[in-house]
Amino acid sequence: MEVLWAHEDAGGQPATAREVGHALAGERDLAYTTVMTVLDRLAKKGFLRRTRDGRAWRYRPAASREDYVTELMLGALELTGDRGAALAHFAQSVSGDEAEVLRRALEDLTRKEPPG
């Protein structure tokens, strides 16, 4: 996923399995078929979108990195018995700058809420 997000961030078109494999070559020695299998499974699970390009598939992320991380965080909140306590603990563990980002986001949400 990181390779595809980076590829997209750099303005590239969706990547083929071979391009993903080349990008990973510095990190690991992976067979082309392994890369193809993983990309195919990620596409079937909805994490990637793919389009035909001749005989190859081109893959792109179905969601942004931020959207994906948001879903992970929401999933983690579902695992707790006390969402409020989990959110409070999370808020206490972030940096001052991160707390400010959260504060601004909450203020923006409050302004957008219709009067009730």
C-alpha atoms as a PDB file:
ATOM      1  CA  MET A   1       0.000   0.000   0.000  1.00  0.00           C
ATOM      2  CA  GLU A   2       2.816   2.402   0.865  1.00  0.00           C
ATOM      3  CA  VAL A   3       4.368   1.932  -2.583  1.00  0.00           C
ATOM      4  CA  LEU A   4       1.064   2.681  -4.292  1.00  0.00           C
ATOM      5  CA  TRP A   5       0.318   5.699  -2.091  1.00  0.00           C
ATOM      6  CA  ALA A   6       3.818   7.085  -2.751  1.00  0.00           C
ATOM      7  CA  HIS A   7       3.410   6.419  -6.480  1.00  0.00           C
ATOM      8  CA  GLU A   8       0.101   8.295  -6.443  1.00  0.00           C
ATOM      9  CA  ASP A   9       1.521  11.148  -4.319  1.00  0.00           C
ATOM     10  CA  ALA A  10       4.267  11.581  -6.909  1.00  0.00           C
ATOM     11  CA  GLY A  11       1.627  12.060  -9.606  1.00  0.00           C
ATOM     12  CA  GLY A  12       2.221   8.723 -11.298  1.00  0.00           C
ATOM     13  CA  GLN A  13      -0.432   6.694 -13.010  1.00  0.00           C
ATOM     14  CA  PRO A  14      -1.631   3.493 -11.345  1.00  0.00           C
ATOM     15  CA  ALA A  15       1.230   0.976 -11.037  1.00  0.00           C
ATOM     16  CA  THR A  16       1.658  -2.511 -12.424  1.00  0.00           C
ATOM     17  CA  ALA A  17       2.721  -5.483 -10.305  1.00  0.00           C
ATOM     18  CA  ARG A  18       6.159  -5.281 -11.923  1.00  0.00           C
ATOM     19  CA  GLU A  19       6.524  -1.596 -10.934  1.00  0.00           C
ATOM     20  CA  VAL A  20       5.454  -2.379  -7.367  1.00  0.00           C
ATOM     21  CA  GLY A  21       7.923  -5.279  -7.288  1.00  0.00           C
ATOM     22  CA  HIS A  22      10.751  -3.027  -8.499  1.00  0.00           C
ATOM     23  CA  ALA A  23       9.902  -0.442  -5.839  1.00  0.00           C
ATOM     24  CA  LEU A  24      10.061  -3.159  -3.163  1.00  0.00           C
ATOM     25  CA  ALA A  25      13.252  -4.718  -4.524  1.00  0.00           C
ATOM     26  CA  GLY A  26      15.460  -2.638  -2.251  1.00  0.00           C
ATOM     27  CA  GLU A  27      13.567  -3.810   0.831  1.00  0.00           C
ATOM     28  CA  ARG A  28      12.982  -7.490   0.040  1.00  0.00           C
ATOM     29  CA  ASP A  29      13.591 -10.133  -2.557  1.00  0.00           C
ATOM     30  CA  LEU A  30      10.042 -10.890  -3.726  1.00  0.00           C
ATOM     31  CA  ALA A  31       8.949 -13.026  -6.654  1.00  0.00           C
ATOM     32  CA  TYR A  32       6.806 -11.293  -9.267  1.00  0.00           C
ATOM     33  CA  THR A  33       4.047 -13.854  -8.688  1.00  0.00           C
ATOM     34  CA  THR A  34       4.021 -13.046  -4.959  1.00  0.00           C
ATOM     35  CA  VAL A  35       3.542  -9.338  -5.675  1.00  0.00           C
ATOM     36  CA  MET A  36       0.800 -10.168  -8.198  1.00  0.00           C
ATOM     37  CA  THR A  37      -0.996 -12.411  -5.699  1.00  0.00           C
ATOM     38  CA  VAL A  38      -0.916  -9.813  -2.917  1.00  0.00           C
ATOM     39  CA  LEU A  39      -2.134  -7.044  -5.227  1.00  0.00           C
ATOM     40  CA  ASP A  40      -4.926  -9.295  -6.522  1.00  0.00           C
ATOM     41  CA  ARG A  41      -6.050 -10.116  -2.978  1.00  0.00           C
ATOM     42  CA  LEU A  42      -5.964  -6.455  -1.938  1.00  0.00           C
ATOM     43  CA  ALA A  43      -8.083  -5.588  -4.990  1.00  0.00           C
ATOM     44  CA  LYS A  44     -10.607  -8.337  -4.187  1.00  0.00           C
ATOM     45  CA  LYS A  45     -10.866  -7.063  -0.593  1.00  0.00           C
ATOM     46  CA  GLY A  46     -11.552  -3.525  -1.864  1.00  0.00           C
ATOM     47  CA  PHE A  47      -8.290  -1.897  -0.773  1.00  0.00           C
ATOM     48  CA  LEU A  48      -7.154  -1.369  -4.373  1.00  0.00           C
ATOM     49  CA  ARG A  49      -8.819  -0.464  -7.668  1.00  0.00           C
ATOM     50  CA  ARG A  50      -7.452  -1.965 -10.854  1.00  0.00           C
ATOM     51  CA  THR A  51      -7.771  -1.377 -14.575  1.00  0.00           C
ATOM     52  CA  ARG A  52      -6.496  -3.368 -17.532  1.00  0.00           C
ATOM     53  CA  ASP A  53      -3.515  -2.053 -19.465  1.00  0.00           C
ATOM     54  CA  GLY A  54      -2.868  -4.525 -22.247  1.00  0.00           C
ATOM     55  CA  ARG A  55      -2.076  -7.832 -20.573  1.00  0.00           C
ATOM     56  CA  ALA A  56      -1.253  -6.237 -17.223  1.00  0.00           C
ATOM     57  CA  TRP A  57      -3.364  -4.748 -14.459  1.00  0.00           C
ATOM     58  CA  ARG A  58      -2.669  -1.278 -13.100  1.00  0.00           C
ATOM     59  CA  TYR A  59      -3.381  -0.799  -9.402  1.00  0.00           C
ATOM     60  CA  ARG A  60      -4.200   2.284  -7.354  1.00  0.00           C
ATOM     61  CA  PRO A  61      -5.333   2.673  -3.737  1.00  0.00           C
ATOM     62  CA  ALA A  62      -9.097   2.713  -3.250  1.00  0.00           C
ATOM     63  CA  ALA A  63      -8.710   5.270  -0.460  1.00  0.00           C
ATOM     64  CA  SER A  64      -6.138   7.759   0.718  1.00  0.00           C
ATOM     65  CA  ARG A  65      -3.639   6.874   3.425  1.00  0.00           C
ATOM     66  CA  GLU A  66      -5.542   9.195   5.777  1.00  0.00           C
ATOM     67  CA  ASP A  67      -8.890   7.522   5.024  1.00  0.00           C
ATOM     68  CA  TYR A  68      -7.368   4.099   5.636  1.00  0.00           C
ATOM     69  CA  VAL A  69      -5.847   5.133   8.967  1.00  0.00           C
ATOM     70  CA  THR A  70      -9.156   6.718   9.986  1.00  0.00           C
ATOM     71  CA  GLU A  71     -10.920   3.393   9.387  1.00  0.00           C
ATOM     72  CA  LEU A  72      -8.283   1.622  11.494  1.00  0.00           C
ATOM     73  CA  MET A  73      -8.774   4.103  14.328  1.00  0.00           C
ATOM     74  CA  LEU A  74     -12.567   3.752  14.191  1.00  0.00           C
ATOM     75  CA  GLY A  75     -12.195  -0.026  14.196  1.00  0.00           C
ATOM     76  CA  ALA A  76      -9.991   0.190  17.287  1.00  0.00           C
ATOM     77  CA  LEU A  77     -12.617   2.356  19.013  1.00  0.00           C
ATOM     78  CA  GLU A  78     -15.219  -0.340  18.324  1.00  0.00           C
ATOM     79  CA  LEU A  79     -13.098  -2.792  20.334  1.00  0.00           C
ATOM     80  CA  THR A  80     -13.287  -0.780  23.548  1.00  0.00           C
ATOM     81  CA  GLY A  81     -16.117  -0.978  26.025  1.00  0.00           C
ATOM     82  CA  ASP A  82     -15.810   2.720  26.816  1.00  0.00           C
ATOM     83  CA  ARG A  83     -15.252   4.883  23.748  1.00  0.00           C
ATOM     84  CA  GLY A  84     -15.180   8.070  25.825  1.00  0.00           C
ATOM     85  CA  ALA A  85     -12.385   6.764  28.043  1.00  0.00           C
ATOM     86  CA  ALA A  86     -10.432   5.563  25.015  1.00  0.00           C
ATOM     87  CA  LEU A  87     -10.801   8.949  23.305  1.00  0.00           C
ATOM     88  CA  ALA A  88      -9.778  10.802  26.473  1.00  0.00           C
ATOM     89  CA  HIS A  89      -6.716   8.580  26.880  1.00  0.00           C
ATOM     90  CA  PHE A  90      -5.827   9.125  23.213  1.00  0.00           C
ATOM     91  CA  ALA A  91      -6.187  12.902  23.588  1.00  0.00           C
ATOM     92  CA  GLN A  92      -3.847  12.851  26.599  1.00  0.00           C
ATOM     93  CA  SER A  93      -1.201  10.970  24.625  1.00  0.00           C
ATOM     94  CA  VAL A  94      -0.886  13.305  21.618  1.00  0.00           C
ATOM     95  CA  SER A  95       1.582  16.169  21.273  1.00  0.00           C
ATOM     96  CA  GLY A  96       0.588  19.794  21.747  1.00  0.00           C
ATOM     97  CA  ASP A  97       0.556  20.392  17.988  1.00  0.00           C
ATOM     98  CA  GLU A  98      -1.593  17.295  17.422  1.00  0.00           C
ATOM     99  CA  ALA A  99      -3.970  18.405  20.183  1.00  0.00           C
ATOM    100  CA  GLU A 100      -4.327  21.744  18.433  1.00  0.00           C
ATOM    101  CA  VAL A 101      -5.239  19.978  15.170  1.00  0.00           C
ATOM    102  CA  LEU A 102      -7.875  17.957  17.052  1.00  0.00           C
ATOM    103  CA  ARG A 103      -9.195  21.108  18.743  1.00  0.00           C
ATOM    104  CA  ARG A 104      -9.584  22.907  15.399  1.00  0.00           C
ATOM    105  CA  ALA A 105     -11.276  19.887  13.807  1.00  0.00           C
ATOM    106  CA  LEU A 106     -13.761  19.673  16.683  1.00  0.00           C
ATOM    107  CA  GLU A 107     -14.457  23.404  16.486  1.00  0.00           C
ATOM    108  CA  ASP A 108     -15.114  23.074  12.743  1.00  0.00           C
ATOM    109  CA  LEU A 109     -17.535  20.216  13.414  1.00  0.00           C
ATOM    110  CA  THR A 110     -19.362  22.218  16.079  1.00  0.00           C
ATOM    111  CA  ARG A 111     -19.808  25.142  13.686  1.00  0.00           C
ATOM    112  CA  LYS A 112     -21.237  22.840  10.987  1.00  0.00           C
ATOM    113  CA  GLU A 113     -23.817  21.188  13.257  1.00  0.00           C
ATOM    114  CA  PRO A 114     -27.355  22.446  12.647  1.00  0.00           C
ATOM    115  CA  PRO A 115     -29.032  24.096  15.605  1.00  0.00           C
ATOM    116  CA  GLY A 116     -31.000  21.504  17.551  1.00  0.00           C
END
